Amino acid sequence: MSEDPAHPSMALNTRFSEVECLAESHQHLSKESMSGNKPANAVLHKVLKQLEELLSDMKADVTRLPATIARIPPVAVRLQMSERNILSRLASRGSEVTGQSQSQTTQQMQVPR
């Protein structure tokens, strides 16, 4: 399975990354603006406006998520497997992992002679 870059949840994730990057890269501006640096103050206001627009877009994305999630087909349909087959595969993988970890533990406990 792959991620769809056009999916609304991906747009939300992208916008969050943009907000985080913008905020982190311009965090020094508030100190400079407080110390009376007028160019820094102007840039700070532009950055704050960009952050406000991104947050507004994210708010719109969040309101669309419930409808988007409701349209996602169930896992069994996406995997083209019955629920019983999914559960049996998960159970068999769980026993494989348990068996592997037990054999590794046994090998680690053996002392070379």
PDB file of N, CA and C in Angstrom:
ATOM      1  N   MET A   1       0.845  -1.184   0.000  1.00  0.00           N
ATOM      2  CA  MET A   1       0.000   0.000   0.000  1.00  0.00           C
ATOM      3  C   MET A   1       0.886   1.241   0.000  1.00  0.00           C
ATOM      4  N   SER A   2       0.414   2.276  -0.611  1.00  0.00           N
ATOM      5  CA  SER A   2       1.189   3.512  -0.664  1.00  0.00           C
ATOM      6  C   SER A   2       0.337   4.682  -0.191  1.00  0.00           C
ATOM      7  N   GLU A   3       1.017   5.755   0.184  1.00  0.00           N
ATOM      8  CA  GLU A   3       0.316   6.954   0.628  1.00  0.00           C
ATOM      9  C   GLU A   3      -0.067   7.795  -0.577  1.00  0.00           C
ATOM     10  N   ASP A   4      -1.260   8.337  -0.543  1.00  0.00           N
ATOM     11  CA  ASP A   4      -1.739   9.187  -1.623  1.00  0.00           C
ATOM     12  C   ASP A   4      -1.432  10.632  -1.261  1.00  0.00           C
ATOM     13  N   PRO A   5      -0.532  11.306  -2.006  1.00  0.00           N
ATOM     14  CA  PRO A   5      -0.175  12.684  -1.662  1.00  0.00           C
ATOM     15  C   PRO A   5      -1.346  13.656  -1.786  1.00  0.00           C
ATOM     16  N   ALA A   6      -2.384  13.268  -2.526  1.00  0.00           N
ATOM     17  CA  ALA A   6      -3.545  14.143  -2.690  1.00  0.00           C
ATOM     18  C   ALA A   6      -4.569  13.949  -1.572  1.00  0.00           C
ATOM     19  N   HIS A   7      -4.352  12.965  -0.725  1.00  0.00           N
ATOM     20  CA  HIS A   7      -5.299  12.691   0.362  1.00  0.00           C
ATOM     21  C   HIS A   7      -5.307  13.859   1.351  1.00  0.00           C
ATOM     22  N   PRO A   8      -6.489  14.251   1.830  1.00  0.00           N
ATOM     23  CA  PRO A   8      -6.577  15.397   2.756  1.00  0.00           C
ATOM     24  C   PRO A   8      -5.729  15.256   4.014  1.00  0.00           C
ATOM     25  N   SER A   9      -5.553  14.049   4.513  1.00  0.00           N
ATOM     26  CA  SER A   9      -4.719  13.884   5.707  1.00  0.00           C
ATOM     27  C   SER A   9      -3.257  14.188   5.388  1.00  0.00           C
ATOM     28  N   MET A  10      -2.838  13.893   4.168  1.00  0.00           N
ATOM     29  CA  MET A  10      -1.466  14.215   3.769  1.00  0.00           C
ATOM     30  C   MET A  10      -1.293  15.726   3.627  1.00  0.00           C
ATOM     31  N   ALA A  11      -2.337  16.407   3.126  1.00  0.00           N
ATOM     32  CA  ALA A  11      -2.280  17.869   3.028  1.00  0.00           C
ATOM     33  C   ALA A  11      -2.143  18.475   4.424  1.00  0.00           C
ATOM     34  N   LEU A  12      -2.873  17.910   5.367  1.00  0.00           N
ATOM     35  CA  LEU A  12      -2.794  18.388   6.750  1.00  0.00           C
ATOM     36  C   LEU A  12      -1.389  18.167   7.302  1.00  0.00           C
ATOM     37  N   ASN A  13      -0.822  17.020   7.035  1.00  0.00           N
ATOM     38  CA  ASN A  13       0.534  16.716   7.491  1.00  0.00           C
ATOM     39  C   ASN A  13       1.554  17.663   6.855  1.00  0.00           C
ATOM     40  N   THR A  14       1.388  17.947   5.573  1.00  0.00           N
ATOM     41  CA  THR A  14       2.290  18.858   4.876  1.00  0.00           C
ATOM     42  C   THR A  14       2.209  20.262   5.470  1.00  0.00           C
ATOM     43  N   ARG A  15       0.991  20.711   5.711  1.00  0.00           N
ATOM     44  CA  ARG A  15       0.819  22.053   6.291  1.00  0.00           C
ATOM     45  C   ARG A  15       1.411  22.130   7.692  1.00  0.00           C
ATOM     46  N   PHE A  16       1.251  21.054   8.465  1.00  0.00           N
ATOM     47  CA  PHE A  16       1.840  21.039   9.804  1.00  0.00           C
ATOM     48  C   PHE A  16       3.355  21.173   9.716  1.00  0.00           C
ATOM     49  N   SER A  17       3.963  20.466   8.771  1.00  0.00           N
ATOM     50  CA  SER A  17       5.418  20.564   8.586  1.00  0.00           C
ATOM     51  C   SER A  17       5.827  21.978   8.191  1.00  0.00           C
ATOM     52  N   GLU A  18       5.022  22.611   7.343  1.00  0.00           N
ATOM     53  CA  GLU A  18       5.313  23.986   6.936  1.00  0.00           C
ATOM     54  C   GLU A  18       5.228  24.943   8.124  1.00  0.00           C
ATOM     55  N   VAL A  19       4.209  24.768   8.952  1.00  0.00           N
ATOM     56  CA  VAL A  19       4.054  25.621  10.145  1.00  0.00           C
ATOM     57  C   VAL A  19       5.249  25.440  11.068  1.00  0.00           C
ATOM     58  N   GLU A  20       5.615  24.193  11.302  1.00  0.00           N
ATOM     59  CA  GLU A  20       6.733  23.897  12.194  1.00  0.00           C
ATOM     60  C   GLU A  20       8.036  24.503  11.666  1.00  0.00           C
ATOM     61  N   CYS A  21       8.289  24.326  10.381  1.00  0.00           N
ATOM     62  CA  CYS A  21       9.519  24.850   9.777  1.00  0.00           C
ATOM     63  C   CYS A  21       9.546  26.377   9.818  1.00  0.00           C
ATOM     64  N   LEU A  22       8.428  27.000   9.468  1.00  0.00           N
ATOM     65  CA  LEU A  22       8.347  28.464   9.461  1.00  0.00           C
ATOM     66  C   LEU A  22       8.551  29.022  10.864  1.00  0.00           C
ATOM     67  N   ALA A  23       7.913  28.417  11.846  1.00  0.00           N
ATOM     68  CA  ALA A  23       8.043  28.891  13.225  1.00  0.00           C
ATOM     69  C   ALA A  23       9.466  28.719  13.746  1.00  0.00           C
ATOM     70  N   GLU A  24      10.063  27.567  13.487  1.00  0.00           N
ATOM     71  CA  GLU A  24      11.414  27.314  13.982  1.00  0.00           C
ATOM     72  C   GLU A  24      12.454  28.208  13.306  1.00  0.00           C
ATOM     73  N   SER A  25      12.281  28.415  12.007  1.00  0.00           N
ATOM     74  CA  SER A  25      13.303  29.193  11.294  1.00  0.00           C
ATOM     75  C   SER A  25      13.217  30.694  11.576  1.00  0.00           C
ATOM     76  N   HIS A  26      12.098  31.149  12.120  1.00  0.00           N
ATOM     77  CA  HIS A  26      11.953  32.585  12.386  1.00  0.00           C
ATOM     78  C   HIS A  26      11.757  32.907  13.871  1.00  0.00           C
ATOM     79  N   GLN A  27      12.047  31.970  14.744  1.00  0.00           N
ATOM     80  CA  GLN A  27      11.811  32.192  16.167  1.00  0.00           C
ATOM     81  C   GLN A  27      12.669  33.309  16.745  1.00  0.00           C
ATOM     82  N   HIS A  28      13.808  33.581  16.152  1.00  0.00           N
ATOM     83  CA  HIS A  28      14.697  34.640  16.647  1.00  0.00           C
ATOM     84  C   HIS A  28      14.125  36.039  16.398  1.00  0.00           C
ATOM     85  N   LEU A  29      13.158  36.154  15.484  1.00  0.00           N
ATOM     86  CA  LEU A  29      12.616  37.468  15.122  1.00  0.00           C
ATOM     87  C   LEU A  29      11.894  38.160  16.283  1.00  0.00           C
ATOM     88  N   SER A  30      11.275  37.388  17.145  1.00  0.00           N
ATOM     89  CA  SER A  30      10.534  38.015  18.248  1.00  0.00           C
ATOM     90  C   SER A  30      11.472  38.782  19.173  1.00  0.00           C
ATOM     91  N   LYS A  31      12.641  38.206  19.471  1.00  0.00           N
ATOM     92  CA  LYS A  31      13.615  38.896  20.334  1.00  0.00           C
ATOM     93  C   LYS A  31      14.130  40.161  19.662  1.00  0.00           C
ATOM     94  N   GLU A  32      14.443  40.039  18.364  1.00  0.00           N
ATOM     95  CA  GLU A  32      14.951  41.198  17.639  1.00  0.00           C
ATOM     96  C   GLU A  32      13.887  42.284  17.517  1.00  0.00           C
ATOM     97  N   SER A  33      12.657  41.882  17.324  1.00  0.00           N
ATOM     98  CA  SER A  33      11.563  42.841  17.212  1.00  0.00           C
ATOM     99  C   SER A  33      11.339  43.562  18.543  1.00  0.00           C
ATOM    100  N   MET A  34      11.443  42.818  19.629  1.00  0.00           N
ATOM    101  CA  MET A  34      11.263  43.411  20.966  1.00  0.00           C
ATOM    102  C   MET A  34      12.374  44.401  21.290  1.00  0.00           C
ATOM    103  N   SER A  35      13.550  44.213  20.710  1.00  0.00           N
ATOM    104  CA  SER A  35      14.662  45.117  20.980  1.00  0.00           C
ATOM    105  C   SER A  35      14.628  46.357  20.085  1.00  0.00           C
ATOM    106  N   GLY A  36      13.567  46.480  19.272  1.00  0.00           N
ATOM    107  CA  GLY A  36      13.397  47.696  18.482  1.00  0.00           C
ATOM    108  C   GLY A  36      13.884  47.607  17.049  1.00  0.00           C
ATOM    109  N   ASN A  37      14.221  46.442  16.582  1.00  0.00           N
ATOM    110  CA  ASN A  37      14.679  46.254  15.213  1.00  0.00           C
ATOM    111  C   ASN A  37      13.465  46.306  14.276  1.00  0.00           C
ATOM    112  N   LYS A  38      13.310  47.437  13.557  1.00  0.00           N
ATOM    113  CA  LYS A  38      12.128  47.631  12.710  1.00  0.00           C
ATOM    114  C   LYS A  38      12.063  46.660  11.531  1.00  0.00           C
ATOM    115  N   PRO A  39      13.174  46.386  10.819  1.00  0.00           N
ATOM    116  CA  PRO A  39      13.084  45.395   9.737  1.00  0.00           C
ATOM    117  C   PRO A  39      12.678  44.008  10.249  1.00  0.00           C
ATOM    118  N   ALA A  40      13.204  43.639  11.418  1.00  0.00           N
ATOM    119  CA  ALA A  40      12.838  42.352  12.007  1.00  0.00           C
ATOM    120  C   ALA A  40      11.351  42.339  12.368  1.00  0.00           C
ATOM    121  N   ASN A  41      10.843  43.467  12.829  1.00  0.00           N
ATOM    122  CA  ASN A  41       9.432  43.586  13.172  1.00  0.00           C
ATOM    123  C   ASN A  41       8.556  43.392  11.932  1.00  0.00           C
ATOM    124  N   ALA A  42       8.975  43.992  10.803  1.00  0.00           N
ATOM    125  CA  ALA A  42       8.213  43.852   9.558  1.00  0.00           C
ATOM    126  C   ALA A  42       8.199  42.393   9.086  1.00  0.00           C
ATOM    127  N   VAL A  43       9.358  41.751   9.153  1.00  0.00           N
ATOM    128  CA  VAL A  43       9.446  40.342   8.745  1.00  0.00           C
ATOM    129  C   VAL A  43       8.616  39.469   9.679  1.00  0.00           C
ATOM    130  N   LEU A  44       8.680  39.771  10.973  1.00  0.00           N
ATOM    131  CA  LEU A  44       7.900  39.012  11.953  1.00  0.00           C
ATOM    132  C   LEU A  44       6.416  39.083  11.644  1.00  0.00           C
ATOM    133  N   HIS A  45       5.921  40.239  11.286  1.00  0.00           N
ATOM    134  CA  HIS A  45       4.501  40.378  10.964  1.00  0.00           C
ATOM    135  C   HIS A  45       4.127  39.580   9.709  1.00  0.00           C
ATOM    136  N   LYS A  46       5.023  39.552   8.718  1.00  0.00           N
ATOM    137  CA  LYS A  46       4.766  38.750   7.515  1.00  0.00           C
ATOM    138  C   LYS A  46       4.736  37.261   7.853  1.00  0.00           C
ATOM    139  N   VAL A  47       5.669  36.825   8.699  1.00  0.00           N
ATOM    140  CA  VAL A  47       5.731  35.423   9.096  1.00  0.00           C
ATOM    141  C   VAL A  47       4.477  35.049   9.889  1.00  0.00           C
ATOM    142  N   LEU A  48       4.071  35.921  10.793  1.00  0.00           N
ATOM    143  CA  LEU A  48       2.864  35.652  11.576  1.00  0.00           C
ATOM    144  C   LEU A  48       1.627  35.564  10.685  1.00  0.00           C
ATOM    145  N   LYS A  49       1.579  36.370   9.653  1.00  0.00           N
ATOM    146  CA  LYS A  49       0.461  36.318   8.694  1.00  0.00           C
ATOM    147  C   LYS A  49       0.467  34.982   7.950  1.00  0.00           C
ATOM    148  N   GLN A  50       1.665  34.534   7.543  1.00  0.00           N
ATOM    149  CA  GLN A  50       1.770  33.233   6.873  1.00  0.00           C
ATOM    150  C   GLN A  50       1.332  32.103   7.798  1.00  0.00           C
ATOM    151  N   LEU A  51       1.758  32.175   9.063  1.00  0.00           N
ATOM    152  CA  LEU A  51       1.360  31.157  10.035  1.00  0.00           C
ATOM    153  C   LEU A  51      -0.149  31.151  10.224  1.00  0.00           C
ATOM    154  N   GLU A  52      -0.739  32.330  10.287  1.00  0.00           N
ATOM    155  CA  GLU A  52      -2.184  32.438  10.450  1.00  0.00           C
ATOM    156  C   GLU A  52      -2.907  31.803   9.267  1.00  0.00           C
ATOM    157  N   GLU A  53      -2.425  32.041   8.048  1.00  0.00           N
ATOM    158  CA  GLU A  53      -3.050  31.463   6.855  1.00  0.00           C
ATOM    159  C   GLU A  53      -2.919  29.939   6.843  1.00  0.00           C
ATOM    160  N   LEU A  54      -1.724  29.444   7.209  1.00  0.00           N
ATOM    161  CA  LEU A  54      -1.534  28.001   7.262  1.00  0.00           C
ATOM    162  C   LEU A  54      -2.439  27.345   8.302  1.00  0.00           C
ATOM    163  N   LEU A  55      -2.547  27.973   9.465  1.00  0.00           N
ATOM    164  CA  LEU A  55      -3.408  27.427  10.517  1.00  0.00           C
ATOM    165  C   LEU A  55      -4.878  27.450  10.098  1.00  0.00           C
ATOM    166  N   SER A  56      -5.270  28.475   9.374  1.00  0.00           N
ATOM    167  CA  SER A  56      -6.640  28.535   8.858  1.00  0.00           C
ATOM    168  C   SER A  56      -6.890  27.407   7.858  1.00  0.00           C
ATOM    169  N   ASP A  57      -5.917  27.158   6.983  1.00  0.00           N
ATOM    170  CA  ASP A  57      -6.033  26.046   6.030  1.00  0.00           C
ATOM    171  C   ASP A  57      -6.111  24.704   6.761  1.00  0.00           C
ATOM    172  N   MET A  58      -5.298  24.550   7.813  1.00  0.00           N
ATOM    173  CA  MET A  58      -5.319  23.315   8.588  1.00  0.00           C
ATOM    174  C   MET A  58      -6.664  23.109   9.267  1.00  0.00           C
ATOM    175  N   LYS A  59      -7.245  24.186   9.760  1.00  0.00           N
ATOM    176  CA  LYS A  59      -8.556  24.097  10.397  1.00  0.00           C
ATOM    177  C   LYS A  59      -9.590  23.599   9.387  1.00  0.00           C
ATOM    178  N   ALA A  60      -9.525  24.089   8.154  1.00  0.00           N
ATOM    179  CA  ALA A  60     -10.440  23.637   7.107  1.00  0.00           C
ATOM    180  C   ALA A  60     -10.198  22.162   6.785  1.00  0.00           C
ATOM    181  N   ASP A  61      -8.923  21.757   6.756  1.00  0.00           N
ATOM    182  CA  ASP A  61      -8.593  20.349   6.494  1.00  0.00           C
ATOM    183  C   ASP A  61      -9.158  19.442   7.582  1.00  0.00           C
ATOM    184  N   VAL A  62      -9.040  19.874   8.822  1.00  0.00           N
ATOM    185  CA  VAL A  62      -9.514  19.064   9.946  1.00  0.00           C
ATOM    186  C   VAL A  62     -11.032  18.883   9.882  1.00  0.00           C
ATOM    187  N   THR A  63     -11.749  19.912   9.477  1.00  0.00           N
ATOM    188  CA  THR A  63     -13.209  19.777   9.411  1.00  0.00           C
ATOM    189  C   THR A  63     -13.628  18.798   8.316  1.00  0.00           C
ATOM    190  N   ARG A  64     -12.776  18.592   7.293  1.00  0.00           N
ATOM    191  CA  ARG A  64     -13.094  17.639   6.222  1.00  0.00           C
ATOM    192  C   ARG A  64     -12.665  16.211   6.548  1.00  0.00           C
ATOM    193  N   LEU A  65     -11.847  16.015   7.563  1.00  0.00           N
ATOM    194  CA  LEU A  65     -11.329  14.681   7.860  1.00  0.00           C
ATOM    195  C   LEU A  65     -12.398  13.636   8.186  1.00  0.00           C
ATOM    196  N   PRO A  66     -13.398  13.925   9.017  1.00  0.00           N
ATOM    197  CA  PRO A  66     -14.381  12.873   9.314  1.00  0.00           C
ATOM    198  C   PRO A  66     -15.057  12.311   8.058  1.00  0.00           C
ATOM    199  N   ALA A  67     -15.417  13.167   7.125  1.00  0.00           N
ATOM    200  CA  ALA A  67     -16.038  12.683   5.888  1.00  0.00           C
ATOM    201  C   ALA A  67     -15.038  11.878   5.064  1.00  0.00           C
ATOM    202  N   THR A  68     -13.800  12.298   5.065  1.00  0.00           N
ATOM    203  CA  THR A  68     -12.767  11.587   4.310  1.00  0.00           C
ATOM    204  C   THR A  68     -12.518  10.220   4.908  1.00  0.00           C
ATOM    205  N   ILE A  69     -12.436  10.162   6.228  1.00  0.00           N
ATOM    206  CA  ILE A  69     -12.189   8.888   6.912  1.00  0.00           C
ATOM    207  C   ILE A  69     -13.356   7.936   6.703  1.00  0.00           C
ATOM    208  N   ALA A  70     -14.558   8.459   6.677  1.00  0.00           N
ATOM    209  CA  ALA A  70     -15.735   7.616   6.473  1.00  0.00           C
ATOM    210  C   ALA A  70     -15.714   6.947   5.099  1.00  0.00           C
ATOM    211  N   ARG A  71     -15.047   7.563   4.117  1.00  0.00           N
ATOM    212  CA  ARG A  71     -14.992   6.992   2.765  1.00  0.00           C
ATOM    213  C   ARG A  71     -13.881   5.954   2.594  1.00  0.00           C
ATOM    214  N   ILE A  72     -13.007   5.823   3.579  1.00  0.00           N
ATOM    215  CA  ILE A  72     -11.925   4.839   3.481  1.00  0.00           C
ATOM    216  C   ILE A  72     -12.526   3.443   3.621  1.00  0.00           C
ATOM    217  N   PRO A  73     -12.244   2.557   2.668  1.00  0.00           N
ATOM    218  CA  PRO A  73     -12.796   1.208   2.767  1.00  0.00           C
ATOM    219  C   PRO A  73     -12.203   0.453   3.958  1.00  0.00           C
ATOM    220  N   PRO A  74     -12.928  -0.527   4.480  1.00  0.00           N
ATOM    221  CA  PRO A  74     -12.415  -1.311   5.613  1.00  0.00           C
ATOM    222  C   PRO A  74     -11.110  -2.024   5.250  1.00  0.00           C
ATOM    223  N   VAL A  75     -10.344  -2.371   6.271  1.00  0.00           N
ATOM    224  CA  VAL A  75      -9.048  -3.020   6.085  1.00  0.00           C
ATOM    225  C   VAL A  75      -9.204  -4.318   5.299  1.00  0.00           C
ATOM    226  N   ALA A  76     -10.222  -5.121   5.610  1.00  0.00           N
ATOM    227  CA  ALA A  76     -10.420  -6.392   4.917  1.00  0.00           C
ATOM    228  C   ALA A  76     -10.618  -6.172   3.418  1.00  0.00           C
ATOM    229  N   VAL A  77     -11.316  -5.140   3.049  1.00  0.00           N
ATOM    230  CA  VAL A  77     -11.532  -4.835   1.627  1.00  0.00           C
ATOM    231  C   VAL A  77     -10.226  -4.385   0.982  1.00  0.00           C
ATOM    232  N   ARG A  78      -9.486  -3.513   1.674  1.00  0.00           N
ATOM    233  CA  ARG A  78      -8.227  -3.014   1.115  1.00  0.00           C
ATOM    234  C   ARG A  78      -7.197  -4.127   0.956  1.00  0.00           C
ATOM    235  N   LEU A  79      -7.191  -5.091   1.882  1.00  0.00           N
ATOM    236  CA  LEU A  79      -6.249  -6.207   1.794  1.00  0.00           C
ATOM    237  C   LEU A  79      -6.787  -7.345   0.933  1.00  0.00           C
ATOM    238  N   GLN A  80      -8.050  -7.258   0.589  1.00  0.00           N
ATOM    239  CA  GLN A  80      -8.743  -8.295  -0.183  1.00  0.00           C
ATOM    240  C   GLN A  80      -8.631  -9.648   0.525  1.00  0.00           C
ATOM    241  N   MET A  81      -8.898  -9.597   1.838  1.00  0.00           N
ATOM    242  CA  MET A  81      -8.861 -10.798   2.672  1.00  0.00           C
ATOM    243  C   MET A  81     -10.069 -10.770   3.599  1.00  0.00           C
ATOM    244  N   SER A  82     -10.491 -11.953   4.030  1.00  0.00           N
ATOM    245  CA  SER A  82     -11.568 -12.004   5.019  1.00  0.00           C
ATOM    246  C   SER A  82     -10.987 -11.673   6.388  1.00  0.00           C
ATOM    247  N   GLU A  83     -11.857 -11.302   7.307  1.00  0.00           N
ATOM    248  CA  GLU A  83     -11.386 -10.995   8.663  1.00  0.00           C
ATOM    249  C   GLU A  83     -10.741 -12.224   9.297  1.00  0.00           C
ATOM    250  N   ARG A  84     -11.309 -13.392   9.014  1.00  0.00           N
ATOM    251  CA  ARG A  84     -10.773 -14.633   9.565  1.00  0.00           C
ATOM    252  C   ARG A  84      -9.339 -14.873   9.063  1.00  0.00           C
ATOM    253  N   ASN A  85      -9.097 -14.631   7.772  1.00  0.00           N
ATOM    254  CA  ASN A  85      -7.751 -14.804   7.214  1.00  0.00           C
ATOM    255  C   ASN A  85      -6.770 -13.797   7.813  1.00  0.00           C
ATOM    256  N   ILE A  86      -7.219 -12.561   7.993  1.00  0.00           N
ATOM    257  CA  ILE A  86      -6.355 -11.541   8.591  1.00  0.00           C
ATOM    258  C   ILE A  86      -5.948 -11.953   9.996  1.00  0.00           C
ATOM    259  N   LEU A  87      -6.938 -12.408  10.789  1.00  0.00           N
ATOM    260  CA  LEU A  87      -6.648 -12.822  12.163  1.00  0.00           C
ATOM    261  C   LEU A  87      -5.719 -14.033  12.206  1.00  0.00           C
ATOM    262  N   SER A  88      -5.923 -14.993  11.318  1.00  0.00           N
ATOM    263  CA  SER A  88      -5.053 -16.173  11.326  1.00  0.00           C
ATOM    264  C   SER A  88      -3.620 -15.804  10.918  1.00  0.00           C
ATOM    265  N   ARG A  89      -3.474 -14.898   9.957  1.00  0.00           N
ATOM    266  CA  ARG A  89      -2.128 -14.460   9.560  1.00  0.00           C
ATOM    267  C   ARG A  89      -1.447 -13.721  10.698  1.00  0.00           C
ATOM    268  N   LEU A  90      -2.205 -12.847  11.386  1.00  0.00           N
ATOM    269  CA  LEU A  90      -1.624 -12.129  12.525  1.00  0.00           C
ATOM    270  C   LEU A  90      -1.224 -13.087  13.636  1.00  0.00           C
ATOM    271  N   ALA A  91      -2.074 -14.086  13.895  1.00  0.00           N
ATOM    272  CA  ALA A  91      -1.771 -15.065  14.945  1.00  0.00           C
ATOM    273  C   ALA A  91      -0.552 -15.895  14.579  1.00  0.00           C
ATOM    274  N   SER A  92      -0.440 -16.288  13.312  1.00  0.00           N
ATOM    275  CA  SER A  92       0.715 -17.099  12.913  1.00  0.00           C
ATOM    276  C   SER A  92       2.003 -16.268  12.943  1.00  0.00           C
ATOM    277  N   ARG A  93       1.913 -15.024  12.586  1.00  0.00           N
ATOM    278  CA  ARG A  93       3.102 -14.159  12.655  1.00  0.00           C
ATOM    279  C   ARG A  93       3.508 -13.941  14.105  1.00  0.00           C
ATOM    280  N   GLY A  94       2.516 -13.806  14.967  1.00  0.00           N
ATOM    281  CA  GLY A  94       2.824 -13.622  16.381  1.00  0.00           C
ATOM    282  C   GLY A  94       3.559 -14.820  16.946  1.00  0.00           C
ATOM    283  N   SER A  95       3.149 -16.036  16.555  1.00  0.00           N
ATOM    284  CA  SER A  95       3.829 -17.234  17.052  1.00  0.00           C
ATOM    285  C   SER A  95       5.216 -17.366  16.429  1.00  0.00           C
ATOM    286  N   GLU A  96       5.386 -16.925  15.158  1.00  0.00           N
ATOM    287  CA  GLU A  96       6.705 -16.943  14.530  1.00  0.00           C
ATOM    288  C   GLU A  96       7.662 -16.016  15.269  1.00  0.00           C
ATOM    289  N   VAL A  97       7.198 -14.823  15.594  1.00  0.00           N
ATOM    290  CA  VAL A  97       8.028 -13.846  16.290  1.00  0.00           C
ATOM    291  C   VAL A  97       8.377 -14.362  17.678  1.00  0.00           C
ATOM    292  N   THR A  98       7.392 -14.952  18.359  1.00  0.00           N
ATOM    293  CA  THR A  98       7.635 -15.493  19.693  1.00  0.00           C
ATOM    294  C   THR A  98       8.648 -16.625  19.621  1.00  0.00           C
ATOM    295  N   GLY A  99       8.504 -17.513  18.638  1.00  0.00           N
ATOM    296  CA  GLY A  99       9.450 -18.613  18.466  1.00  0.00           C
ATOM    297  C   GLY A  99      10.844 -18.126  18.161  1.00  0.00           C
ATOM    298  N   GLN A 100      10.960 -17.095  17.320  1.00  0.00           N
ATOM    299  CA  GLN A 100      12.266 -16.536  16.971  1.00  0.00           C
ATOM    300  C   GLN A 100      12.924 -15.899  18.184  1.00  0.00           C
ATOM    301  N   SER A 101      12.160 -15.151  18.955  1.00  0.00           N
ATOM    302  CA  SER A 101      12.749 -14.485  20.116  1.00  0.00           C
ATOM    303  C   SER A 101      13.158 -15.501  21.172  1.00  0.00           C
ATOM    304  N   GLN A 102      12.397 -16.599  21.306  1.00  0.00           N
ATOM    305  CA  GLN A 102      12.767 -17.625  22.268  1.00  0.00           C
ATOM    306  C   GLN A 102      14.044 -18.339  21.841  1.00  0.00           C
ATOM    307  N   SER A 103      14.176 -18.627  20.529  1.00  0.00           N
ATOM    308  CA  SER A 103      15.393 -19.303  20.069  1.00  0.00           C
ATOM    309  C   SER A 103      16.606 -18.381  20.193  1.00  0.00           C
ATOM    310  N   GLN A 104      16.426 -17.086  19.980  1.00  0.00           N
ATOM    311  CA  GLN A 104      17.527 -16.136  20.144  1.00  0.00           C
ATOM    312  C   GLN A 104      17.954 -16.064  21.602  1.00  0.00           C
ATOM    313  N   THR A 105      16.970 -16.060  22.503  1.00  0.00           N
ATOM    314  CA  THR A 105      17.275 -16.018  23.931  1.00  0.00           C
ATOM    315  C   THR A 105      18.023 -17.270  24.344  1.00  0.00           C
ATOM    316  N   THR A 106      17.589 -18.443  23.816  1.00  0.00           N
ATOM    317  CA  THR A 106      18.249 -19.694  24.136  1.00  0.00           C
ATOM    318  C   THR A 106      19.693 -19.685  23.642  1.00  0.00           C
ATOM    319  N   GLN A 107      19.916 -19.168  22.413  1.00  0.00           N
ATOM    320  CA  GLN A 107      21.264 -19.092  21.864  1.00  0.00           C
ATOM    321  C   GLN A 107      22.140 -18.157  22.680  1.00  0.00           C
ATOM    322  N   GLN A 108      21.594 -17.069  23.153  1.00  0.00           N
ATOM    323  CA  GLN A 108      22.359 -16.118  23.944  1.00  0.00           C
ATOM    324  C   GLN A 108      22.724 -16.677  25.307  1.00  0.00           C
ATOM    325  N   MET A 109      21.871 -17.558  25.847  1.00  0.00           N
ATOM    326  CA  MET A 109      22.102 -18.112  27.173  1.00  0.00           C
ATOM    327  C   MET A 109      23.133 -19.224  27.149  1.00  0.00           C
ATOM    328  N   GLN A 110      23.351 -19.872  25.979  1.00  0.00           N
ATOM    329  CA  GLN A 110      24.313 -20.956  25.904  1.00  0.00           C
ATOM    330  C   GLN A 110      25.731 -20.412  26.052  1.00  0.00           C
ATOM    331  N   VAL A 111      26.493 -21.057  26.902  1.00  0.00           N
ATOM    332  CA  VAL A 111      27.867 -20.630  27.156  1.00  0.00           C
ATOM    333  C   VAL A 111      28.795 -21.476  26.284  1.00  0.00           C
ATOM    334  N   PRO A 112      29.700 -20.818  25.511  1.00  0.00           N
ATOM    335  CA  PRO A 112      30.634 -21.625  24.690  1.00  0.00           C
ATOM    336  C   PRO A 112      31.595 -22.403  25.579  1.00  0.00           C
ATOM    337  N   ARG A 113      31.933 -23.597  25.126  1.00  0.00           N
ATOM    338  CA  ARG A 113      32.823 -24.452  25.938  1.00  0.00           C
ATOM    339  C   ARG A 113      34.173 -24.523  25.361  1.00  0.00           C
TER     340      ARG A 113
END
